[in-house]
Amino acid sequence: MVPWFTRGAIKNVALFFAAICSIVVMQSANAGESYPSRPVRLVVPTGAGGNTDTFARVVAEKLKAPLGQQVIVDNRTGASGIVGSDIVAKAAPDGYTLLMAFPSHPVNPLLYSDLPYDTIKDFAPITMVTSVTQVLLVNPKLPVTTVKELIAQAREKPGQFNHGVVGRGSLGDLSAEMFSAMSGARLVQIAYKGAPQVMTALIGGEIQTYFSAPVVAIPQMKAGRVRALGVSTKNRLAVIPDVPTIAEAGLPGYEVVGWNGILAPARTPRAIIDRLHDAIVKVIRTPDVAAAITAQGIEPIGNTPEEFARVIRTDIDKWAKLIKGARTRIN
C-alpha cells in the first residue's frame, strides 16, 4: 500500500511524464505538417542507368507534386551500396536524406563483418517501390539457346564462362550464386561498376552471361544484341512472354526476386515517415507511373513501413543460407 504522504508526489511525477509525452507527440505531428520545407535528397547507392537508378529518378520527379519540393537524386556508388547507405545512416533523421535501397542492403551484413552501420537499427523503412525480377542473358554468339544447354556447357567447361555482376551481394550476384548452387554450373563472376558497363561487356563478348533487370535487358533484346534464356520469377513476364522462366527452361525450383525500396535514417519522426509513405505510394500507383513500371517487367508495390521491415528481415534469413554455402564471410 502506498503511504498517503507520497500519493501527491507520485501523481505529480505521473503528470510530468504525461506532459512530456504530449510534447513529443505534438512535436512529431508538427514535424509532419511543416515537412518538407526544402529539397529532399534521395541517395542512390548505384551508378546511373541501372534499374535502381532508373526508378529512383521516376519517383523523384513525380514526388515534386505531392511533397511541394524537389527530390534530388544523388548517386553515391561503391562497395555494393555500402558507401551510399552509410551516408544515409549517419544523416540527420529529419526526412531530408533518404536511401533508395536494393537487394544488397539485407545481404551486406552477411558478407561484411565491419559494416559502418547496422542494417536494421540504423534505418527506418518507408515503403518498397518495386518488386524486381532478373533476365538471364547470354552473348548471341554463344552457341546456347536454352538454359539446359548453358548448364551442360558450363559443366563441361568449368571456369570458362565469365559472368558479369554489379557488386557483391547485388541481385545479379545472388541470382548467379543460386544458379550455380542449384545447377552445378560454375560461372566465373566479374564485377563491374554499373549495369551499363556489364551490358557493354556482354555485347562485346568480354563476358558470356549476365542476370539483368528487365529495364536494362529488354531494349538490348529487341535490338538483337543479347539473347534471353529465362526469367528468374515463377511466372513469365507479360512484356516478354516468349521468354520462359528459368525453372521451366531447365532448372526446376529456381526463383529469385528482388526489390527496390526507400528508407530514412533511424529515429526519423513517424509523422515524416507517414508523409513520405503516402506521397510515394500515391506516385507509384498513379496510372501512368504504374503502367511505365509494369511495361519494364517490374511490379509496383507500395507496402507499409512495417511490411517493408519484415521483407528486409526475411531476406537476411533467406540469403544467409545461400551465402553460407557459397563463400566465407569477408573481413
Protein backbone atom coordinates (compact mmCIF):
# COMPACT_ATOMS: atom_id res chain seq x y z
CA MET A 1 0.00 0.00 0.00
CA VAL A 2 1.36 3.46 -0.95
CA PRO A 3 1.69 5.82 2.08
CA TRP A 4 -0.76 8.69 1.95
CA PHE A 5 2.03 11.31 2.10
CA THR A 6 3.63 10.06 -1.17
CA ARG A 7 0.49 9.90 -3.27
CA GLY A 8 0.72 13.56 -4.22
CA ALA A 9 4.33 13.23 -5.27
CA ILE A 10 3.58 10.17 -7.41
CA LYS A 11 0.66 11.98 -9.02
CA ASN A 12 2.91 14.95 -9.85
CA VAL A 13 5.52 12.65 -11.42
CA ALA A 14 2.85 10.93 -13.50
CA LEU A 15 1.52 14.29 -14.68
CA PHE A 16 5.07 15.36 -15.57
CA PHE A 17 5.71 12.31 -17.75
CA ALA A 18 2.29 12.66 -19.37
CA ALA A 19 3.15 16.24 -20.27
CA ILE A 20 6.47 15.16 -21.75
CA CYS A 21 4.75 12.50 -23.89
CA SER A 22 2.22 15.08 -25.09
CA ILE A 23 5.03 17.43 -26.10
CA VAL A 24 6.79 14.65 -28.04
CA VAL A 25 3.58 13.73 -29.84
CA MET A 26 2.87 17.39 -30.69
CA GLN A 27 6.43 17.92 -31.98
CA SER A 28 6.16 14.83 -34.16
CA ALA A 29 2.84 15.99 -35.57
CA ASN A 30 4.17 19.48 -36.21
CA ALA A 31 7.19 17.98 -37.97
CA GLY A 32 4.88 16.17 -40.35
CA GLU A 33 2.80 19.28 -41.06
CA SER A 34 5.78 21.50 -41.86
CA TYR A 35 7.73 18.88 -43.81
CA PRO A 36 9.27 19.34 -46.30
CA SER A 37 10.33 22.99 -46.38
CA ARG A 38 13.34 22.46 -48.67
CA PRO A 39 14.55 19.97 -51.31
CA VAL A 40 14.93 16.31 -50.32
CA ARG A 41 17.98 14.26 -51.29
CA LEU A 42 17.43 10.68 -52.45
CA VAL A 43 20.72 8.79 -52.27
CA VAL A 44 21.05 6.02 -54.86
CA PRO A 45 23.97 3.72 -53.92
CA THR A 46 24.48 2.53 -57.52
CA GLY A 47 25.67 4.07 -60.76
CA ALA A 48 23.43 5.87 -63.24
CA GLY A 49 21.48 3.83 -65.76
CA GLY A 50 20.62 0.69 -63.81
CA ASN A 51 17.26 -0.49 -62.51
CA THR A 52 17.58 1.18 -59.10
CA ASP A 53 18.70 4.49 -60.58
CA THR A 54 16.02 4.46 -63.29
CA PHE A 55 13.10 4.09 -60.91
CA ALA A 56 14.63 6.39 -58.31
CA ARG A 57 14.56 9.13 -60.94
CA VAL A 58 10.97 8.34 -61.94
CA VAL A 59 9.83 8.51 -58.32
CA ALA A 60 11.93 11.61 -57.54
CA GLU A 61 10.46 13.53 -60.47
CA LYS A 62 6.87 12.64 -59.60
CA LEU A 63 7.26 13.34 -55.87
CA LYS A 64 7.63 17.04 -56.54
CA ALA A 65 3.85 17.44 -56.80
CA PRO A 66 2.66 15.73 -53.58
CA LEU A 67 5.59 17.00 -51.49
CA GLY A 68 5.78 20.51 -52.91
CA GLN A 69 9.58 20.29 -53.06
CA GLN A 70 12.17 18.91 -55.44
CA VAL A 71 13.63 15.47 -54.74
CA ILE A 72 17.22 15.38 -55.97
CA VAL A 73 18.82 12.05 -56.91
CA ASP A 74 22.37 11.71 -55.61
CA ASN A 75 24.32 8.71 -56.96
CA ARG A 76 26.88 7.55 -54.39
CA THR A 77 28.43 4.34 -55.69
CA GLY A 78 30.87 1.97 -54.05
CA ALA A 79 31.24 -1.22 -52.05
CA SER A 80 27.95 -2.90 -53.03
CA GLY A 81 25.88 0.04 -51.89
CA ILE A 82 27.67 0.48 -48.56
CA VAL A 83 29.03 3.96 -49.36
CA GLY A 84 25.62 5.42 -50.13
CA SER A 85 23.87 3.55 -47.33
CA ASP A 86 26.38 4.84 -44.78
CA ILE A 87 25.71 8.42 -45.83
CA VAL A 88 22.01 7.98 -45.08
CA ALA A 89 22.57 6.02 -41.87
CA LYS A 90 24.61 8.93 -40.49
CA ALA A 91 22.39 11.72 -41.82
CA ALA A 92 20.12 13.79 -39.62
CA PRO A 93 16.78 11.98 -39.01
CA ASP A 94 14.76 14.83 -40.46
CA GLY A 95 13.47 13.33 -43.71
CA TYR A 96 15.77 15.33 -45.98
CA THR A 97 18.17 12.48 -46.76
CA LEU A 98 16.67 9.20 -47.98
CA LEU A 99 18.02 5.95 -49.41
CA MET A 100 16.79 4.05 -52.46
CA ALA A 101 17.87 0.60 -51.29
CA PHE A 102 18.20 -2.54 -53.40
CA PRO A 103 18.82 -6.27 -52.65
CA SER A 104 22.39 -5.70 -51.46
CA HIS A 105 21.01 -3.91 -48.40
CA PRO A 106 19.96 -7.07 -46.48
CA VAL A 107 22.84 -9.08 -47.95
CA ASN A 108 25.77 -6.85 -46.98
CA PRO A 109 25.66 -7.70 -43.24
CA LEU A 110 26.02 -11.35 -44.28
CA LEU A 111 29.14 -10.60 -46.32
CA TYR A 112 30.91 -7.89 -44.34
CA SER A 113 31.75 -8.09 -40.64
CA ASP A 114 32.75 -4.42 -40.39
CA LEU A 115 29.81 -2.52 -41.84
CA PRO A 116 29.87 1.12 -40.66
CA TYR A 117 26.16 0.92 -39.84
CA ASP A 118 23.56 -1.55 -38.58
CA THR A 119 21.28 -2.69 -41.41
CA ILE A 120 18.24 -2.96 -39.13
CA LYS A 121 18.81 -0.46 -36.32
CA ASP A 122 20.13 2.49 -38.33
CA PHE A 123 17.30 2.76 -40.87
CA ALA A 124 13.57 3.42 -40.85
CA PRO A 125 11.79 1.63 -43.73
CA ILE A 126 9.23 3.73 -45.61
CA THR A 127 7.98 1.52 -48.44
CA MET A 128 9.00 -0.90 -51.17
CA VAL A 129 8.78 0.80 -54.54
CA THR A 130 9.07 -2.21 -56.85
CA SER A 131 9.46 -5.96 -56.94
CA VAL A 132 12.23 -6.89 -59.36
CA THR A 133 12.90 -9.97 -61.45
CA GLN A 134 16.03 -10.89 -63.40
CA VAL A 135 16.56 -11.98 -67.01
CA LEU A 136 19.33 -14.47 -67.76
CA LEU A 137 21.14 -13.13 -70.83
CA VAL A 138 23.91 -14.53 -72.99
CA ASN A 139 26.02 -13.12 -75.77
CA PRO A 140 24.23 -14.09 -79.03
CA LYS A 141 27.44 -15.57 -80.41
CA LEU A 142 27.48 -18.13 -77.58
CA PRO A 143 26.25 -21.44 -79.04
CA VAL A 144 23.46 -21.94 -76.48
CA THR A 145 19.77 -21.20 -76.89
CA THR A 146 18.31 -22.72 -73.72
CA VAL A 147 19.03 -22.90 -70.00
CA LYS A 148 19.65 -26.64 -70.35
CA GLU A 149 22.32 -26.04 -72.98
CA LEU A 150 24.01 -23.37 -70.88
CA ILE A 151 24.14 -25.66 -67.84
CA ALA A 152 25.54 -28.52 -69.92
CA GLN A 153 28.29 -26.40 -71.47
CA ALA A 154 29.21 -24.70 -68.19
CA ARG A 155 29.55 -28.10 -66.53
CA GLU A 156 31.62 -29.39 -69.42
CA LYS A 157 33.91 -26.33 -69.39
CA PRO A 158 34.18 -25.22 -65.75
CA GLY A 159 35.76 -21.82 -65.27
CA GLN A 160 35.38 -20.79 -68.91
CA PHE A 161 32.10 -18.88 -68.61
CA ASN A 162 32.55 -15.30 -67.40
CA HIS A 163 29.51 -13.80 -65.73
CA GLY A 164 29.05 -10.06 -65.15
CA VAL A 165 27.80 -8.67 -61.84
CA VAL A 166 27.37 -5.19 -60.39
CA GLY A 167 28.95 -5.63 -56.99
CA ARG A 168 28.96 -8.39 -54.44
CA GLY A 169 25.58 -9.06 -52.92
CA SER A 170 23.68 -7.48 -55.82
CA LEU A 171 20.61 -9.24 -57.16
CA GLY A 172 22.61 -10.36 -60.18
CA ASP A 173 25.29 -11.79 -57.92
CA LEU A 174 22.71 -13.65 -55.83
CA SER A 175 20.96 -14.90 -58.95
CA ALA A 176 24.23 -16.31 -60.28
CA GLU A 177 25.11 -17.88 -56.93
CA MET A 178 21.70 -19.55 -56.78
CA PHE A 179 22.01 -20.69 -60.37
CA SER A 180 25.44 -22.24 -59.76
CA ALA A 181 24.40 -23.84 -56.48
CA MET A 182 21.30 -25.46 -57.99
CA SER A 183 22.74 -26.45 -61.39
CA GLY A 184 26.35 -27.26 -60.61
CA ALA A 185 27.35 -24.94 -63.47
CA ARG A 186 30.26 -22.77 -62.38
CA LEU A 187 30.09 -19.16 -63.60
CA VAL A 188 33.20 -17.04 -63.03
CA GLN A 189 31.91 -13.71 -61.72
CA ILE A 190 33.46 -10.47 -62.99
CA ALA A 191 32.49 -7.29 -61.13
CA TYR A 192 31.66 -4.02 -62.91
CA LYS A 193 30.83 -0.53 -61.72
CA GLY A 194 27.29 -0.44 -63.09
CA ALA A 195 24.69 -2.12 -65.27
CA PRO A 196 25.64 -0.21 -68.46
CA GLN A 197 29.24 -1.40 -68.13
CA VAL A 198 28.15 -5.02 -67.69
CA MET A 199 25.86 -4.83 -70.70
CA THR A 200 28.65 -3.37 -72.82
CA ALA A 201 30.92 -6.22 -71.74
CA LEU A 202 28.25 -8.81 -72.61
CA ILE A 203 27.58 -7.33 -76.03
CA GLY A 204 31.30 -7.13 -76.72
CA GLY A 205 31.93 -10.74 -75.74
CA GLU A 206 34.08 -9.89 -72.70
CA ILE A 207 31.64 -11.94 -70.61
CA GLN A 208 29.26 -14.68 -71.70
CA THR A 209 26.35 -14.41 -69.26
CA TYR A 210 24.56 -11.77 -67.18
CA PHE A 211 21.49 -11.64 -64.93
CA SER A 212 19.93 -8.30 -65.81
CA ALA A 213 16.94 -6.27 -64.69
CA PRO A 214 14.26 -6.18 -67.42
CA VAL A 215 14.51 -2.40 -67.74
CA VAL A 216 18.10 -2.80 -68.91
CA ALA A 217 17.69 -6.09 -70.78
CA ILE A 218 14.62 -5.51 -72.94
CA PRO A 219 15.99 -2.75 -75.23
CA GLN A 220 19.10 -4.83 -75.94
CA MET A 221 16.98 -7.94 -76.54
CA LYS A 222 14.81 -6.10 -79.06
CA ALA A 223 17.92 -4.85 -80.84
CA GLY A 224 19.26 -8.40 -81.09
CA ARG A 225 22.43 -7.57 -79.18
CA VAL A 226 21.77 -10.17 -76.46
CA ARG A 227 19.79 -13.39 -76.14
CA ALA A 228 17.43 -14.10 -73.22
CA LEU A 229 17.30 -17.66 -71.88
CA GLY A 230 14.92 -17.24 -68.97
CA VAL A 231 13.44 -15.05 -66.21
CA SER A 232 14.04 -15.65 -62.52
CA THR A 233 10.43 -15.47 -61.31
CA LYS A 234 7.86 -18.28 -61.02
CA ASN A 235 5.80 -16.79 -63.84
CA ARG A 236 6.74 -15.38 -67.23
CA LEU A 237 6.74 -11.63 -67.71
CA ALA A 238 3.89 -10.14 -69.72
CA VAL A 239 6.27 -7.79 -71.55
CA ILE A 240 8.43 -10.67 -72.82
CA PRO A 241 6.01 -13.62 -72.85
CA ASP A 242 8.14 -15.73 -75.20
CA VAL A 243 10.95 -15.93 -72.64
CA PRO A 244 10.39 -18.93 -70.34
CA THR A 245 11.08 -18.99 -66.63
CA ILE A 246 14.44 -20.48 -65.68
CA ALA A 247 12.55 -23.10 -63.69
CA GLU A 248 10.57 -24.32 -66.69
CA ALA A 249 13.54 -23.97 -69.07
CA GLY A 250 15.84 -26.38 -67.33
CA LEU A 251 16.30 -25.65 -63.62
CA PRO A 252 13.17 -26.69 -61.66
CA GLY A 253 12.59 -24.81 -58.41
CA TYR A 254 14.74 -21.83 -59.33
CA GLU A 255 13.34 -18.48 -58.20
CA VAL A 256 14.97 -15.15 -57.36
CA VAL A 257 13.01 -11.95 -56.72
CA GLY A 258 14.47 -8.63 -55.61
CA TRP A 259 13.16 -5.21 -54.74
CA ASN A 260 13.84 -1.50 -54.58
CA GLY A 261 12.65 0.43 -51.56
CA ILE A 262 13.08 3.74 -49.78
CA LEU A 263 14.43 4.11 -46.24
CA ALA A 264 15.15 7.04 -43.94
CA PRO A 265 17.65 7.32 -41.09
CA ALA A 266 16.53 5.71 -37.85
CA ARG A 267 14.67 7.97 -35.42
CA THR A 268 13.03 9.94 -38.23
CA PRO A 269 9.70 11.13 -36.75
CA ARG A 270 6.80 8.84 -37.59
CA ALA A 271 4.81 11.79 -38.95
CA ILE A 272 7.51 12.37 -41.58
CA ILE A 273 7.69 8.65 -42.38
CA ASP A 274 3.92 8.64 -42.92
CA ARG A 275 4.06 11.80 -45.05
CA LEU A 276 6.72 10.26 -47.29
CA HIS A 277 4.97 6.89 -47.41
CA ASP A 278 1.68 8.39 -48.53
CA ALA A 279 3.38 10.54 -51.20
CA ILE A 280 5.50 7.69 -52.59
CA VAL A 281 2.62 5.22 -52.70
CA LYS A 282 0.44 7.82 -54.41
CA VAL A 283 3.14 8.31 -57.05
CA ILE A 284 3.80 4.64 -57.83
CA ARG A 285 0.07 3.88 -58.02
CA THR A 286 -0.59 6.73 -60.43
CA PRO A 287 -1.79 5.04 -63.65
CA ASP A 288 0.96 6.42 -65.90
CA VAL A 289 3.74 5.58 -63.45
CA ALA A 290 2.34 2.11 -62.68
CA ALA A 291 1.99 1.43 -66.41
CA ALA A 292 5.55 2.58 -67.08
CA ILE A 293 6.87 0.34 -64.31
CA THR A 294 4.86 -2.67 -65.45
CA ALA A 295 5.93 -2.16 -69.07
CA GLN A 296 9.52 -2.75 -67.99
CA GLY A 297 8.73 -6.07 -66.34
CA ILE A 298 8.68 -4.59 -62.84
CA GLU A 299 5.83 -4.74 -60.32
CA PRO A 300 4.88 -1.59 -58.35
CA ILE A 301 4.43 -2.36 -54.64
CA GLY A 302 3.81 0.43 -52.10
CA ASN A 303 3.56 -1.59 -48.86
CA THR A 304 3.58 -0.27 -45.29
CA PRO A 305 6.75 0.55 -43.32
CA GLU A 306 6.09 -2.48 -41.11
CA GLU A 307 5.64 -4.81 -44.09
CA PHE A 308 8.81 -3.49 -45.70
CA ALA A 309 10.72 -4.07 -42.44
CA ARG A 310 9.56 -7.70 -42.45
CA VAL A 311 10.73 -8.14 -46.06
CA ILE A 312 14.22 -6.95 -45.10
CA ARG A 313 14.43 -9.32 -42.13
CA THR A 314 13.10 -12.23 -44.20
CA ASP A 315 15.68 -11.56 -46.93
CA ILE A 316 18.51 -11.59 -44.40
CA ASP A 317 17.43 -15.04 -43.23
CA LYS A 318 16.84 -16.34 -46.77
CA TRP A 319 20.15 -15.24 -48.26
CA ALA A 320 22.16 -16.29 -45.20
CA LYS A 321 21.65 -19.93 -46.15
CA LEU A 322 22.88 -19.44 -49.72
CA ILE A 323 25.84 -17.27 -48.79
CA LYS A 324 27.00 -19.61 -46.04
CA GLY A 325 27.25 -22.39 -48.58
CA ALA A 326 28.76 -20.29 -51.37
CA ARG A 327 31.53 -18.29 -49.74
CA THR A 328 33.19 -17.32 -46.50
CA ARG A 329 32.45 -14.12 -44.65
CA ILE A 330 34.51 -11.11 -45.75
CA ASN A 331 36.50 -9.32 -43.07
